[in-house]
PDB file of N, CA and C in Angstrom:
ATOM      1  N   MET A   1     -27.961 -26.397 -31.584  1.00  0.00           N
ATOM      2  CA  MET A   1     -28.187 -24.982 -31.468  1.00  0.00           C
ATOM      3  C   MET A   1     -27.588 -24.451 -30.169  1.00  0.00           C
ATOM      4  N   GLN A   2     -27.759 -25.144 -29.091  1.00  0.00           N
ATOM      5  CA  GLN A   2     -27.230 -24.713 -27.804  1.00  0.00           C
ATOM      6  C   GLN A   2     -25.705 -24.738 -27.791  1.00  0.00           C
ATOM      7  N   GLU A   3     -25.115 -25.711 -28.478  1.00  0.00           N
ATOM      8  CA  GLU A   3     -23.654 -25.798 -28.503  1.00  0.00           C
ATOM      9  C   GLU A   3     -23.053 -24.579 -29.176  1.00  0.00           C
ATOM     10  N   GLY A   4     -23.686 -24.059 -30.218  1.00  0.00           N
ATOM     11  CA  GLY A   4     -23.192 -22.874 -30.913  1.00  0.00           C
ATOM     12  C   GLY A   4     -23.204 -21.655 -30.016  1.00  0.00           C
ATOM     13  N   LYS A   5     -24.258 -21.481 -29.220  1.00  0.00           N
ATOM     14  CA  LYS A   5     -24.350 -20.350 -28.298  1.00  0.00           C
ATOM     15  C   LYS A   5     -23.299 -20.460 -27.203  1.00  0.00           C
ATOM     16  N   GLN A   6     -23.105 -21.654 -26.679  1.00  0.00           N
ATOM     17  CA  GLN A   6     -22.132 -21.829 -25.613  1.00  0.00           C
ATOM     18  C   GLN A   6     -20.718 -21.599 -26.112  1.00  0.00           C
ATOM     19  N   SER A   7     -20.415 -22.003 -27.329  1.00  0.00           N
ATOM     20  CA  SER A   7     -19.058 -21.800 -27.838  1.00  0.00           C
ATOM     21  C   SER A   7     -18.790 -20.328 -28.108  1.00  0.00           C
ATOM     22  N   ILE A   8     -19.805 -19.584 -28.530  1.00  0.00           N
ATOM     23  CA  ILE A   8     -19.626 -18.142 -28.741  1.00  0.00           C
ATOM     24  C   ILE A   8     -19.378 -17.449 -27.410  1.00  0.00           C
ATOM     25  N   MET A   9     -20.152 -17.788 -26.392  1.00  0.00           N
ATOM     26  CA  MET A   9     -19.982 -17.161 -25.085  1.00  0.00           C
ATOM     27  C   MET A   9     -18.669 -17.586 -24.428  1.00  0.00           C
ATOM     28  N   ALA A  10     -18.188 -18.781 -24.744  1.00  0.00           N
ATOM     29  CA  ALA A  10     -16.928 -19.227 -24.172  1.00  0.00           C
ATOM     30  C   ALA A  10     -15.751 -18.465 -24.777  1.00  0.00           C
ATOM     31  N   ASP A  11     -15.926 -17.964 -26.009  1.00  0.00           N
ATOM     32  CA  ASP A  11     -14.856 -17.211 -26.656  1.00  0.00           C
ATOM     33  C   ASP A  11     -14.676 -15.823 -26.048  1.00  0.00           C
ATOM     34  N   VAL A  12     -15.714 -15.261 -25.439  1.00  0.00           N
ATOM     35  CA  VAL A  12     -15.634 -13.930 -24.848  1.00  0.00           C
ATOM     36  C   VAL A  12     -15.394 -14.079 -23.346  1.00  0.00           C
ATOM     37  N   PRO A  13     -14.198 -13.726 -22.881  1.00  0.00           N
ATOM     38  CA  PRO A  13     -13.944 -13.859 -21.443  1.00  0.00           C
ATOM     39  C   PRO A  13     -14.700 -12.801 -20.651  1.00  0.00           C
ATOM     40  N   ALA A  14     -14.968 -13.122 -19.401  1.00  0.00           N
ATOM     41  CA  ALA A  14     -15.716 -12.216 -18.539  1.00  0.00           C
ATOM     42  C   ALA A  14     -14.942 -10.924 -18.295  1.00  0.00           C
ATOM     43  N   ARG A  15     -13.625 -11.000 -18.236  1.00  0.00           N
ATOM     44  CA  ARG A  15     -12.822  -9.796 -18.013  1.00  0.00           C
ATOM     45  C   ARG A  15     -12.969  -8.802 -19.155  1.00  0.00           C
ATOM     46  N   ALA A  16     -13.139  -9.297 -20.380  1.00  0.00           N
ATOM     47  CA  ALA A  16     -13.314  -8.397 -21.525  1.00  0.00           C
ATOM     48  C   ALA A  16     -14.633  -7.635 -21.402  1.00  0.00           C
ATOM     49  N   ILE A  17     -15.669  -8.302 -20.972  1.00  0.00           N
ATOM     50  CA  ILE A  17     -16.966  -7.646 -20.794  1.00  0.00           C
ATOM     51  C   ILE A  17     -16.889  -6.627 -19.672  1.00  0.00           C
ATOM     52  N   ILE A  18     -16.238  -6.974 -18.569  1.00  0.00           N
ATOM     53  CA  ILE A  18     -16.109  -6.067 -17.444  1.00  0.00           C
ATOM     54  C   ILE A  18     -15.300  -4.839 -17.830  1.00  0.00           C
ATOM     55  N   SER A  19     -14.209  -5.028 -18.552  1.00  0.00           N
ATOM     56  CA  SER A  19     -13.402  -3.879 -18.958  1.00  0.00           C
ATOM     57  C   SER A  19     -14.157  -3.006 -19.958  1.00  0.00           C
ATOM     58  N   PHE A  20     -14.936  -3.615 -20.856  1.00  0.00           N
ATOM     59  CA  PHE A  20     -15.740  -2.848 -21.801  1.00  0.00           C
ATOM     60  C   PHE A  20     -16.775  -2.003 -21.071  1.00  0.00           C
ATOM     61  N   LEU A  21     -17.442  -2.569 -20.065  1.00  0.00           N
ATOM     62  CA  LEU A  21     -18.441  -1.824 -19.304  1.00  0.00           C
ATOM     63  C   LEU A  21     -17.804  -0.712 -18.475  1.00  0.00           C
ATOM     64  N   SER A  22     -16.609  -0.948 -17.946  1.00  0.00           N
ATOM     65  CA  SER A  22     -15.945   0.112 -17.177  1.00  0.00           C
ATOM     66  C   SER A  22     -15.508   1.260 -18.079  1.00  0.00           C
ATOM     67  N   VAL A  23     -15.122   0.951 -19.320  1.00  0.00           N
ATOM     68  CA  VAL A  23     -14.784   2.016 -20.270  1.00  0.00           C
ATOM     69  C   VAL A  23     -16.037   2.802 -20.631  1.00  0.00           C
ATOM     70  N   LEU A  24     -17.167   2.124 -20.824  1.00  0.00           N
ATOM     71  CA  LEU A  24     -18.416   2.826 -21.118  1.00  0.00           C
ATOM     72  C   LEU A  24     -18.816   3.750 -19.973  1.00  0.00           C
ATOM     73  N   ARG A  25     -18.526   3.349 -18.746  1.00  0.00           N
ATOM     74  CA  ARG A  25     -18.895   4.173 -17.589  1.00  0.00           C
ATOM     75  C   ARG A  25     -18.039   5.425 -17.481  1.00  0.00           C
ATOM     76  N   THR A  26     -16.849   5.400 -18.041  1.00  0.00           N
ATOM     77  CA  THR A  26     -15.981   6.572 -17.959  1.00  0.00           C
ATOM     78  C   THR A  26     -16.180   7.542 -19.124  1.00  0.00           C
ATOM     79  N   LEU A  27     -16.910   7.139 -20.159  1.00  0.00           N
ATOM     80  CA  LEU A  27     -17.144   8.042 -21.285  1.00  0.00           C
ATOM     81  C   LEU A  27     -18.041   9.193 -20.848  1.00  0.00           C
ATOM     82  N   PRO A  28     -17.751  10.406 -21.308  1.00  0.00           N
ATOM     83  CA  PRO A  28     -18.605  11.539 -20.924  1.00  0.00           C
ATOM     84  C   PRO A  28     -19.969  11.470 -21.604  1.00  0.00           C
ATOM     85  N   VAL A  29     -20.937  12.114 -20.993  1.00  0.00           N
ATOM     86  CA  VAL A  29     -22.307  12.081 -21.500  1.00  0.00           C
ATOM     87  C   VAL A  29     -22.384  12.730 -22.880  1.00  0.00           C
ATOM     88  N   TRP A  30     -21.651  13.806 -23.096  1.00  0.00           N
ATOM     89  CA  TRP A  30     -21.731  14.509 -24.377  1.00  0.00           C
ATOM     90  C   TRP A  30     -21.256  13.637 -25.534  1.00  0.00           C
ATOM     91  N   LEU A  31     -20.291  12.765 -25.287  1.00  0.00           N
ATOM     92  CA  LEU A  31     -19.795  11.888 -26.345  1.00  0.00           C
ATOM     93  C   LEU A  31     -20.844  10.834 -26.716  1.00  0.00           C
ATOM     94  N   LEU A  32     -21.469  10.244 -25.706  1.00  0.00           N
ATOM     95  CA  LEU A  32     -22.527   9.270 -25.962  1.00  0.00           C
ATOM     96  C   LEU A  32     -23.708   9.925 -26.682  1.00  0.00           C
ATOM     97  N   LEU A  33     -24.051  11.146 -26.261  1.00  0.00           N
ATOM     98  CA  LEU A  33     -25.132  11.872 -26.916  1.00  0.00           C
ATOM     99  C   LEU A  33     -24.778  12.182 -28.366  1.00  0.00           C
ATOM    100  N   GLY A  34     -23.533  12.513 -28.623  1.00  0.00           N
ATOM    101  CA  GLY A  34     -23.096  12.776 -29.992  1.00  0.00           C
ATOM    102  C   GLY A  34     -23.222  11.556 -30.882  1.00  0.00           C
ATOM    103  N   PHE A  35     -22.851  10.383 -30.381  1.00  0.00           N
ATOM    104  CA  PHE A  35     -23.004   9.148 -31.165  1.00  0.00           C
ATOM    105  C   PHE A  35     -24.481   8.857 -31.447  1.00  0.00           C
ATOM    106  N   ALA A  36     -25.342   9.070 -30.439  1.00  0.00           N
ATOM    107  CA  ALA A  36     -26.771   8.832 -30.637  1.00  0.00           C
ATOM    108  C   ALA A  36     -27.337   9.801 -31.673  1.00  0.00           C
ATOM    109  N   LEU A  37     -26.993  11.075 -31.567  1.00  0.00           N
ATOM    110  CA  LEU A  37     -27.506  12.060 -32.517  1.00  0.00           C
ATOM    111  C   LEU A  37     -26.965  11.827 -33.927  1.00  0.00           C
ATOM    112  N   ALA A  38     -25.737  11.344 -34.036  1.00  0.00           N
ATOM    113  CA  ALA A  38     -25.187  11.033 -35.360  1.00  0.00           C
ATOM    114  C   ALA A  38     -25.970   9.900 -36.017  1.00  0.00           C
ATOM    115  N   GLY A  39     -26.342   8.895 -35.245  1.00  0.00           N
ATOM    116  CA  GLY A  39     -27.154   7.802 -35.786  1.00  0.00           C
ATOM    117  C   GLY A  39     -28.513   8.285 -36.248  1.00  0.00           C
ATOM    118  N   TYR A  40     -29.178   9.122 -35.423  1.00  0.00           N
ATOM    119  CA  TYR A  40     -30.476   9.657 -35.816  1.00  0.00           C
ATOM    120  C   TYR A  40     -30.350  10.573 -37.035  1.00  0.00           C
ATOM    121  N   ALA A  41     -29.267  11.337 -37.117  1.00  0.00           N
ATOM    122  CA  ALA A  41     -29.074  12.227 -38.266  1.00  0.00           C
ATOM    123  C   ALA A  41     -28.925  11.428 -39.556  1.00  0.00           C
ATOM    124  N   ILE A  42     -28.212  10.327 -39.502  1.00  0.00           N
ATOM    125  CA  ILE A  42     -28.049   9.508 -40.703  1.00  0.00           C
ATOM    126  C   ILE A  42     -29.373   8.857 -41.095  1.00  0.00           C
ATOM    127  N   ILE A  43     -30.157   8.468 -40.104  1.00  0.00           N
ATOM    128  CA  ILE A  43     -31.444   7.821 -40.394  1.00  0.00           C
ATOM    129  C   ILE A  43     -32.427   8.808 -41.016  1.00  0.00           C
ATOM    130  N   PHE A  44     -32.518  10.019 -40.451  1.00  0.00           N
ATOM    131  CA  PHE A  44     -33.561  10.953 -40.846  1.00  0.00           C
ATOM    132  C   PHE A  44     -33.105  12.050 -41.808  1.00  0.00           C
ATOM    133  N   ALA A  45     -31.832  12.127 -42.138  1.00  0.00           N
ATOM    134  CA  ALA A  45     -31.351  13.190 -43.032  1.00  0.00           C
ATOM    135  C   ALA A  45     -31.879  12.963 -44.447  1.00  0.00           C
ATOM    136  N   PRO A  46     -32.344  14.029 -45.075  1.00  0.00           N
ATOM    137  CA  PRO A  46     -32.808  13.872 -46.457  1.00  0.00           C
ATOM    138  C   PRO A  46     -31.629  13.770 -47.421  1.00  0.00           C
ATOM    139  N   GLY A  47     -31.898  13.296 -48.612  1.00  0.00           N
ATOM    140  CA  GLY A  47     -30.859  13.225 -49.630  1.00  0.00           C
ATOM    141  C   GLY A  47     -30.459  14.626 -50.080  1.00  0.00           C
ATOM    142  N   PHE A  48     -29.192  14.832 -50.320  1.00  0.00           N
ATOM    143  CA  PHE A  48     -28.712  16.140 -50.785  1.00  0.00           C
ATOM    144  C   PHE A  48     -27.535  15.939 -51.719  1.00  0.00           C
ATOM    145  N   GLY A  49     -27.304  16.909 -52.571  1.00  0.00           N
ATOM    146  CA  GLY A  49     -26.182  16.831 -53.508  1.00  0.00           C
ATOM    147  C   GLY A  49     -26.327  15.717 -54.517  1.00  0.00           C
ATOM    148  N   GLY A  50     -27.553  15.336 -54.836  1.00  0.00           N
ATOM    149  CA  GLY A  50     -27.762  14.272 -55.806  1.00  0.00           C
ATOM    150  C   GLY A  50     -27.538  12.875 -55.260  1.00  0.00           C
ATOM    151  N   ILE A  51     -27.379  12.744 -53.963  1.00  0.00           N
ATOM    152  CA  ILE A  51     -27.155  11.432 -53.338  1.00  0.00           C
ATOM    153  C   ILE A  51     -28.475  10.946 -52.748  1.00  0.00           C
ATOM    154  N   ASP A  52     -28.868   9.750 -53.114  1.00  0.00           N
ATOM    155  CA  ASP A  52     -30.091   9.161 -52.593  1.00  0.00           C
ATOM    156  C   ASP A  52     -29.714   8.148 -51.502  1.00  0.00           C
ATOM    157  N   PRO A  53     -30.079   8.416 -50.237  1.00  0.00           N
ATOM    158  CA  PRO A  53     -29.678   7.521 -49.146  1.00  0.00           C
ATOM    159  C   PRO A  53     -30.559   6.289 -48.973  1.00  0.00           C
ATOM    160  N   LYS A  54     -31.536   6.066 -49.857  1.00  0.00           N
ATOM    161  CA  LYS A  54     -32.457   4.936 -49.665  1.00  0.00           C
ATOM    162  C   LYS A  54     -31.745   3.591 -49.715  1.00  0.00           C
ATOM    163  N   GLY A  55     -30.802   3.422 -50.621  1.00  0.00           N
ATOM    164  CA  GLY A  55     -30.077   2.155 -50.708  1.00  0.00           C
ATOM    165  C   GLY A  55     -29.237   1.891 -49.469  1.00  0.00           C
ATOM    166  N   PHE A  56     -28.585   2.927 -48.985  1.00  0.00           N
ATOM    167  CA  PHE A  56     -27.787   2.795 -47.763  1.00  0.00           C
ATOM    168  C   PHE A  56     -28.674   2.466 -46.574  1.00  0.00           C
ATOM    169  N   ARG A  57     -29.807   3.167 -46.467  1.00  0.00           N
ATOM    170  CA  ARG A  57     -30.721   2.930 -45.345  1.00  0.00           C
ATOM    171  C   ARG A  57     -31.350   1.545 -45.413  1.00  0.00           C
ATOM    172  N   THR A  58     -31.587   1.057 -46.621  1.00  0.00           N
ATOM    173  CA  THR A  58     -32.154  -0.279 -46.766  1.00  0.00           C
ATOM    174  C   THR A  58     -31.177  -1.338 -46.281  1.00  0.00           C
ATOM    175  N   GLU A  59     -29.909  -1.169 -46.613  1.00  0.00           N
ATOM    176  CA  GLU A  59     -28.907  -2.168 -46.247  1.00  0.00           C
ATOM    177  C   GLU A  59     -28.438  -2.025 -44.799  1.00  0.00           C
ATOM    178  N   TRP A  60     -28.246  -0.808 -44.320  1.00  0.00           N
ATOM    179  CA  TRP A  60     -27.653  -0.578 -43.004  1.00  0.00           C
ATOM    180  C   TRP A  60     -28.632   0.031 -41.994  1.00  0.00           C
ATOM    181  N   GLY A  61     -29.865   0.190 -42.371  1.00  0.00           N
ATOM    182  CA  GLY A  61     -30.840   0.870 -41.515  1.00  0.00           C
ATOM    183  C   GLY A  61     -31.028   0.240 -40.152  1.00  0.00           C
ATOM    184  N   ILE A  62     -31.127  -1.082 -40.113  1.00  0.00           N
ATOM    185  CA  ILE A  62     -31.340  -1.753 -38.827  1.00  0.00           C
ATOM    186  C   ILE A  62     -30.169  -1.520 -37.880  1.00  0.00           C
ATOM    187  N   TRP A  63     -28.956  -1.521 -38.423  1.00  0.00           N
ATOM    188  CA  TRP A  63     -27.782  -1.290 -37.581  1.00  0.00           C
ATOM    189  C   TRP A  63     -27.719   0.151 -37.098  1.00  0.00           C
ATOM    190  N   LEU A  64     -28.191   1.088 -37.920  1.00  0.00           N
ATOM    191  CA  LEU A  64     -28.246   2.486 -37.491  1.00  0.00           C
ATOM    192  C   LEU A  64     -29.266   2.678 -36.379  1.00  0.00           C
ATOM    193  N   TRP A  65     -30.408   1.989 -36.497  1.00  0.00           N
ATOM    194  CA  TRP A  65     -31.401   2.069 -35.424  1.00  0.00           C
ATOM    195  C   TRP A  65     -30.859   1.476 -34.128  1.00  0.00           C
ATOM    196  N   ILE A  66     -30.191   0.348 -34.235  1.00  0.00           N
ATOM    197  CA  ILE A  66     -29.607  -0.277 -33.038  1.00  0.00           C
ATOM    198  C   ILE A  66     -28.573   0.657 -32.407  1.00  0.00           C
ATOM    199  N   GLU A  67     -27.737   1.267 -33.241  1.00  0.00           N
ATOM    200  CA  GLU A  67     -26.718   2.203 -32.732  1.00  0.00           C
ATOM    201  C   GLU A  67     -27.366   3.406 -32.077  1.00  0.00           C
ATOM    202  N   ALA A  68     -28.354   4.002 -32.735  1.00  0.00           N
ATOM    203  CA  ALA A  68     -28.985   5.213 -32.217  1.00  0.00           C
ATOM    204  C   ALA A  68     -29.727   4.940 -30.909  1.00  0.00           C
ATOM    205  N   ILE A  69     -30.492   3.880 -30.865  1.00  0.00           N
ATOM    206  CA  ILE A  69     -31.245   3.559 -29.646  1.00  0.00           C
ATOM    207  C   ILE A  69     -30.296   3.109 -28.539  1.00  0.00           C
ATOM    208  N   GLY A  70     -29.300   2.309 -28.883  1.00  0.00           N
ATOM    209  CA  GLY A  70     -28.335   1.850 -27.871  1.00  0.00           C
ATOM    210  C   GLY A  70     -27.584   3.009 -27.236  1.00  0.00           C
ATOM    211  N   PHE A  71     -27.089   3.937 -28.046  1.00  0.00           N
ATOM    212  CA  PHE A  71     -26.381   5.082 -27.482  1.00  0.00           C
ATOM    213  C   PHE A  71     -27.318   6.040 -26.758  1.00  0.00           C
ATOM    214  N   SER A  72     -28.583   6.088 -27.162  1.00  0.00           N
ATOM    215  CA  SER A  72     -29.556   6.898 -26.418  1.00  0.00           C
ATOM    216  C   SER A  72     -29.756   6.332 -25.018  1.00  0.00           C
ATOM    217  N   ILE A  73     -29.878   5.026 -24.931  1.00  0.00           N
ATOM    218  CA  ILE A  73     -30.036   4.381 -23.621  1.00  0.00           C
ATOM    219  C   ILE A  73     -28.781   4.588 -22.772  1.00  0.00           C
ATOM    220  N   LEU A  74     -27.613   4.427 -23.395  1.00  0.00           N
ATOM    221  CA  LEU A  74     -26.370   4.649 -22.652  1.00  0.00           C
ATOM    222  C   LEU A  74     -26.243   6.101 -22.182  1.00  0.00           C
ATOM    223  N   THR A  75     -26.699   7.042 -22.995  1.00  0.00           N
ATOM    224  CA  THR A  75     -26.645   8.452 -22.616  1.00  0.00           C
ATOM    225  C   THR A  75     -27.510   8.718 -21.399  1.00  0.00           C
ATOM    226  N   VAL A  76     -28.733   8.207 -21.420  1.00  0.00           N
ATOM    227  CA  VAL A  76     -29.644   8.439 -20.298  1.00  0.00           C
ATOM    228  C   VAL A  76     -29.114   7.792 -19.022  1.00  0.00           C
ATOM    229  N   THR A  77     -28.663   6.539 -19.116  1.00  0.00           N
ATOM    230  CA  THR A  77     -28.177   5.867 -17.913  1.00  0.00           C
ATOM    231  C   THR A  77     -26.891   6.501 -17.390  1.00  0.00           C
ATOM    232  N   ARG A  78     -26.020   6.941 -18.286  1.00  0.00           N
ATOM    233  CA  ARG A  78     -24.780   7.609 -17.855  1.00  0.00           C
ATOM    234  C   ARG A  78     -25.091   8.956 -17.217  1.00  0.00           C
ATOM    235  N   ALA A  79     -26.083   9.680 -17.748  1.00  0.00           N
ATOM    236  CA  ALA A  79     -26.473  10.959 -17.151  1.00  0.00           C
ATOM    237  C   ALA A  79     -27.063  10.749 -15.761  1.00  0.00           C
ATOM    238  N   ILE A  80     -27.871   9.719 -15.591  1.00  0.00           N
ATOM    239  CA  ILE A  80     -28.429   9.410 -14.271  1.00  0.00           C
ATOM    240  C   ILE A  80     -27.314   9.036 -13.303  1.00  0.00           C
ATOM    241  N   ASP A  81     -26.379   8.195 -13.755  1.00  0.00           N
ATOM    242  CA  ASP A  81     -25.250   7.795 -12.919  1.00  0.00           C
ATOM    243  C   ASP A  81     -24.406   8.997 -12.518  1.00  0.00           C
ATOM    244  N   ALA A  82     -24.138   9.898 -13.458  1.00  0.00           N
ATOM    245  CA  ALA A  82     -23.323  11.075 -13.163  1.00  0.00           C
ATOM    246  C   ALA A  82     -24.042  12.012 -12.203  1.00  0.00           C
ATOM    247  N   SER A  83     -25.354  12.176 -12.367  1.00  0.00           N
ATOM    248  CA  SER A  83     -26.079  13.073 -11.473  1.00  0.00           C
ATOM    249  C   SER A  83     -26.181  12.502 -10.059  1.00  0.00           C
ATOM    250  N   ILE A  84     -26.372  11.201  -9.935  1.00  0.00           N
ATOM    251  CA  ILE A  84     -26.418  10.588  -8.604  1.00  0.00           C
ATOM    252  C   ILE A  84     -25.048  10.678  -7.929  1.00  0.00           C
ATOM    253  N   SER A  85     -23.979  10.428  -8.681  1.00  0.00           N
ATOM    254  CA  SER A  85     -22.626  10.540  -8.114  1.00  0.00           C
ATOM    255  C   SER A  85     -22.328  11.968  -7.677  1.00  0.00           C
ATOM    256  N   ALA A  86     -22.737  12.945  -8.484  1.00  0.00           N
ATOM    257  CA  ALA A  86     -22.516  14.347  -8.121  1.00  0.00           C
ATOM    258  C   ALA A  86     -23.315  14.727  -6.881  1.00  0.00           C
ATOM    259  N   TYR A  87     -24.546  14.243  -6.777  1.00  0.00           N
ATOM    260  CA  TYR A  87     -25.366  14.539  -5.607  1.00  0.00           C
ATOM    261  C   TYR A  87     -24.762  13.933  -4.338  1.00  0.00           C
ATOM    262  N   LEU A  88     -24.318  12.684  -4.421  1.00  0.00           N
ATOM    263  CA  LEU A  88     -23.718  12.041  -3.247  1.00  0.00           C
ATOM    264  C   LEU A  88     -22.416  12.733  -2.839  1.00  0.00           C
ATOM    265  N   GLU A  89     -21.624  13.151  -3.809  1.00  0.00           N
ATOM    266  CA  GLU A  89     -20.393  13.883  -3.507  1.00  0.00           C
ATOM    267  C   GLU A  89     -20.710  15.227  -2.856  1.00  0.00           C
ATOM    268  N   HIS A  90     -21.739  15.897  -3.325  1.00  0.00           N
ATOM    269  CA  HIS A  90     -22.158  17.166  -2.728  1.00  0.00           C
ATOM    270  C   HIS A  90     -22.599  16.964  -1.282  1.00  0.00           C
ATOM    271  N   GLN A  91     -23.348  15.907  -1.040  1.00  0.00           N
ATOM    272  CA  GLN A  91     -23.791  15.626   0.326  1.00  0.00           C
ATOM    273  C   GLN A  91     -22.604  15.310   1.237  1.00  0.00           C
ATOM    274  N   ARG A  92     -21.625  14.569   0.722  1.00  0.00           N
ATOM    275  CA  ARG A  92     -20.427  14.268   1.511  1.00  0.00           C
ATOM    276  C   ARG A  92     -19.649  15.531   1.836  1.00  0.00           C
ATOM    277  N   ASN A  93     -19.492  16.405   0.845  1.00  0.00           N
ATOM    278  CA  ASN A  93     -18.787  17.664   1.084  1.00  0.00           C
ATOM    279  C   ASN A  93     -19.546  18.558   2.047  1.00  0.00           C
ATOM    280  N   LYS A  94     -20.858  18.544   1.974  1.00  0.00           N
ATOM    281  CA  LYS A  94     -21.671  19.345   2.878  1.00  0.00           C
ATOM    282  C   LYS A  94     -21.520  18.861   4.320  1.00  0.00           C
ATOM    283  N   MET A  95     -21.459  17.548   4.495  1.00  0.00           N
ATOM    284  CA  MET A  95     -21.265  17.006   5.852  1.00  0.00           C
ATOM    285  C   MET A  95     -19.879  17.346   6.384  1.00  0.00           C
ATOM    286  N   ASP A  96     -18.869  17.360   5.510  1.00  0.00           N
ATOM    287  CA  ASP A  96     -17.514  17.689   5.947  1.00  0.00           C
ATOM    288  C   ASP A  96     -17.376  19.154   6.340  1.00  0.00           C
ATOM    289  N   ARG A  97     -18.133  20.038   5.704  1.00  0.00           N
ATOM    290  CA  ARG A  97     -18.044  21.471   5.996  1.00  0.00           C
ATOM    291  C   ARG A  97     -18.915  21.886   7.165  1.00  0.00           C
ATOM    292  N   ARG A  98     -19.736  21.014   7.643  1.00  0.00           N
ATOM    293  CA  ARG A  98     -20.648  21.363   8.723  1.00  0.00           C
ATOM    294  C   ARG A  98     -19.852  21.719   9.981  1.00  0.00           C
ATOM    295  N   ALA A  99     -20.205  22.845  10.575  1.00  0.00           N
ATOM    296  CA  ALA A  99     -19.505  23.322  11.773  1.00  0.00           C
ATOM    297  C   ALA A  99     -20.064  22.629  13.018  1.00  0.00           C
ATOM    298  N   LEU A 100     -19.250  22.601  14.044  1.00  0.00           N
ATOM    299  CA  LEU A 100     -19.678  22.050  15.320  1.00  0.00           C
ATOM    300  C   LEU A 100     -20.536  23.090  16.025  1.00  0.00           C
ATOM    301  N   ARG A 101     -21.714  22.704  16.408  1.00  0.00           N
ATOM    302  CA  ARG A 101     -22.630  23.622  17.082  1.00  0.00           C
ATOM    303  C   ARG A 101     -22.982  23.033  18.430  1.00  0.00           C
ATOM    304  N   LEU A 102     -22.864  23.860  19.447  1.00  0.00           N
ATOM    305  CA  LEU A 102     -23.239  23.469  20.798  1.00  0.00           C
ATOM    306  C   LEU A 102     -24.589  24.104  21.114  1.00  0.00           C
ATOM    307  N   VAL A 103     -25.559  23.271  21.418  1.00  0.00           N
ATOM    308  CA  VAL A 103     -26.908  23.747  21.700  1.00  0.00           C
ATOM    309  C   VAL A 103     -27.218  23.387  23.149  1.00  0.00           C
ATOM    310  N   PRO A 104     -27.490  24.400  23.983  1.00  0.00           N
ATOM    311  CA  PRO A 104     -27.777  24.090  25.400  1.00  0.00           C
ATOM    312  C   PRO A 104     -29.176  23.508  25.564  1.00  0.00           C
ATOM    313  N   ARG A 105     -29.263  22.577  26.461  1.00  0.00           N
ATOM    314  CA  ARG A 105     -30.559  22.032  26.866  1.00  0.00           C
ATOM    315  C   ARG A 105     -30.838  22.607  28.245  1.00  0.00           C
ATOM    316  N   HIS A 106     -31.809  23.454  28.330  1.00  0.00           N
ATOM    317  CA  HIS A 106     -32.044  24.183  29.575  1.00  0.00           C
ATOM    318  C   HIS A 106     -32.485  23.266  30.715  1.00  0.00           C
ATOM    319  N   GLN A 107     -33.081  22.137  30.410  1.00  0.00           N
ATOM    320  CA  GLN A 107     -33.484  21.209  31.457  1.00  0.00           C
ATOM    321  C   GLN A 107     -32.278  20.486  32.046  1.00  0.00           C
ATOM    322  N   GLN A 108     -31.157  20.418  31.314  1.00  0.00           N
ATOM    323  CA  GLN A 108     -29.999  19.669  31.777  1.00  0.00           C
ATOM    324  C   GLN A 108     -28.802  20.572  32.063  1.00  0.00           C
ATOM    325  N   CYS A 109     -29.014  21.882  32.072  1.00  0.00           N
ATOM    326  CA  CYS A 109     -27.899  22.799  32.316  1.00  0.00           C
ATOM    327  C   CYS A 109     -27.682  22.974  33.824  1.00  0.00           C
ATOM    328  N   TRP A 110     -26.481  22.668  34.276  1.00  0.00           N
ATOM    329  CA  TRP A 110     -26.105  22.927  35.668  1.00  0.00           C
ATOM    330  C   TRP A 110     -24.591  22.940  35.740  1.00  0.00           C
ATOM    331  N   TRP A 111     -24.081  23.567  36.734  1.00  0.00           N
ATOM    332  CA  TRP A 111     -22.655  23.594  36.931  1.00  0.00           C
ATOM    333  C   TRP A 111     -22.397  23.710  38.420  1.00  0.00           C
ATOM    334  N   HIS A 112     -21.219  23.387  38.790  1.00  0.00           N
ATOM    335  CA  HIS A 112     -20.827  23.534  40.185  1.00  0.00           C
ATOM    336  C   HIS A 112     -19.321  23.744  40.238  1.00  0.00           C
ATOM    337  N   LEU A 113     -18.877  24.259  41.369  1.00  0.00           N
ATOM    338  CA  LEU A 113     -17.444  24.488  41.573  1.00  0.00           C
ATOM    339  C   LEU A 113     -16.811  23.192  42.069  1.00  0.00           C
ATOM    340  N   ALA A 114     -15.697  22.852  41.521  1.00  0.00           N
ATOM    341  CA  ALA A 114     -14.994  21.662  41.970  1.00  0.00           C
ATOM    342  C   ALA A 114     -14.178  22.009  43.209  1.00  0.00           C
ATOM    343  N   ARG A 115     -13.975  21.068  44.075  1.00  0.00           N
ATOM    344  CA  ARG A 115     -13.212  21.294  45.309  1.00  0.00           C
ATOM    345  C   ARG A 115     -11.728  21.310  45.048  1.00  0.00           C
TER     346      ARG A 115
END
């Protein structure tokens, strides 16, 4: 049993997983949300036009649930990642725009004429 798992994992190189995750990180939130909503729509849509979706849901239902929940999780995590990145960028821009301010300290203010 262990040999089968190791051979499957050996077939998938680490670079393929890394590139897949980097592509997922660049997908926009609206696209991930659309995939999640499409999965939920197929799961919960009633039959129409004389088509009964019970047979389809019986055969493919588990995969639709996995797709819908998986894309929902990806949507939430991508939205959190995008909001944190936007906040950090805003803070960086705010620090760059900050003007130089000179504030006198009255206890340390003194001057004299140089010779």
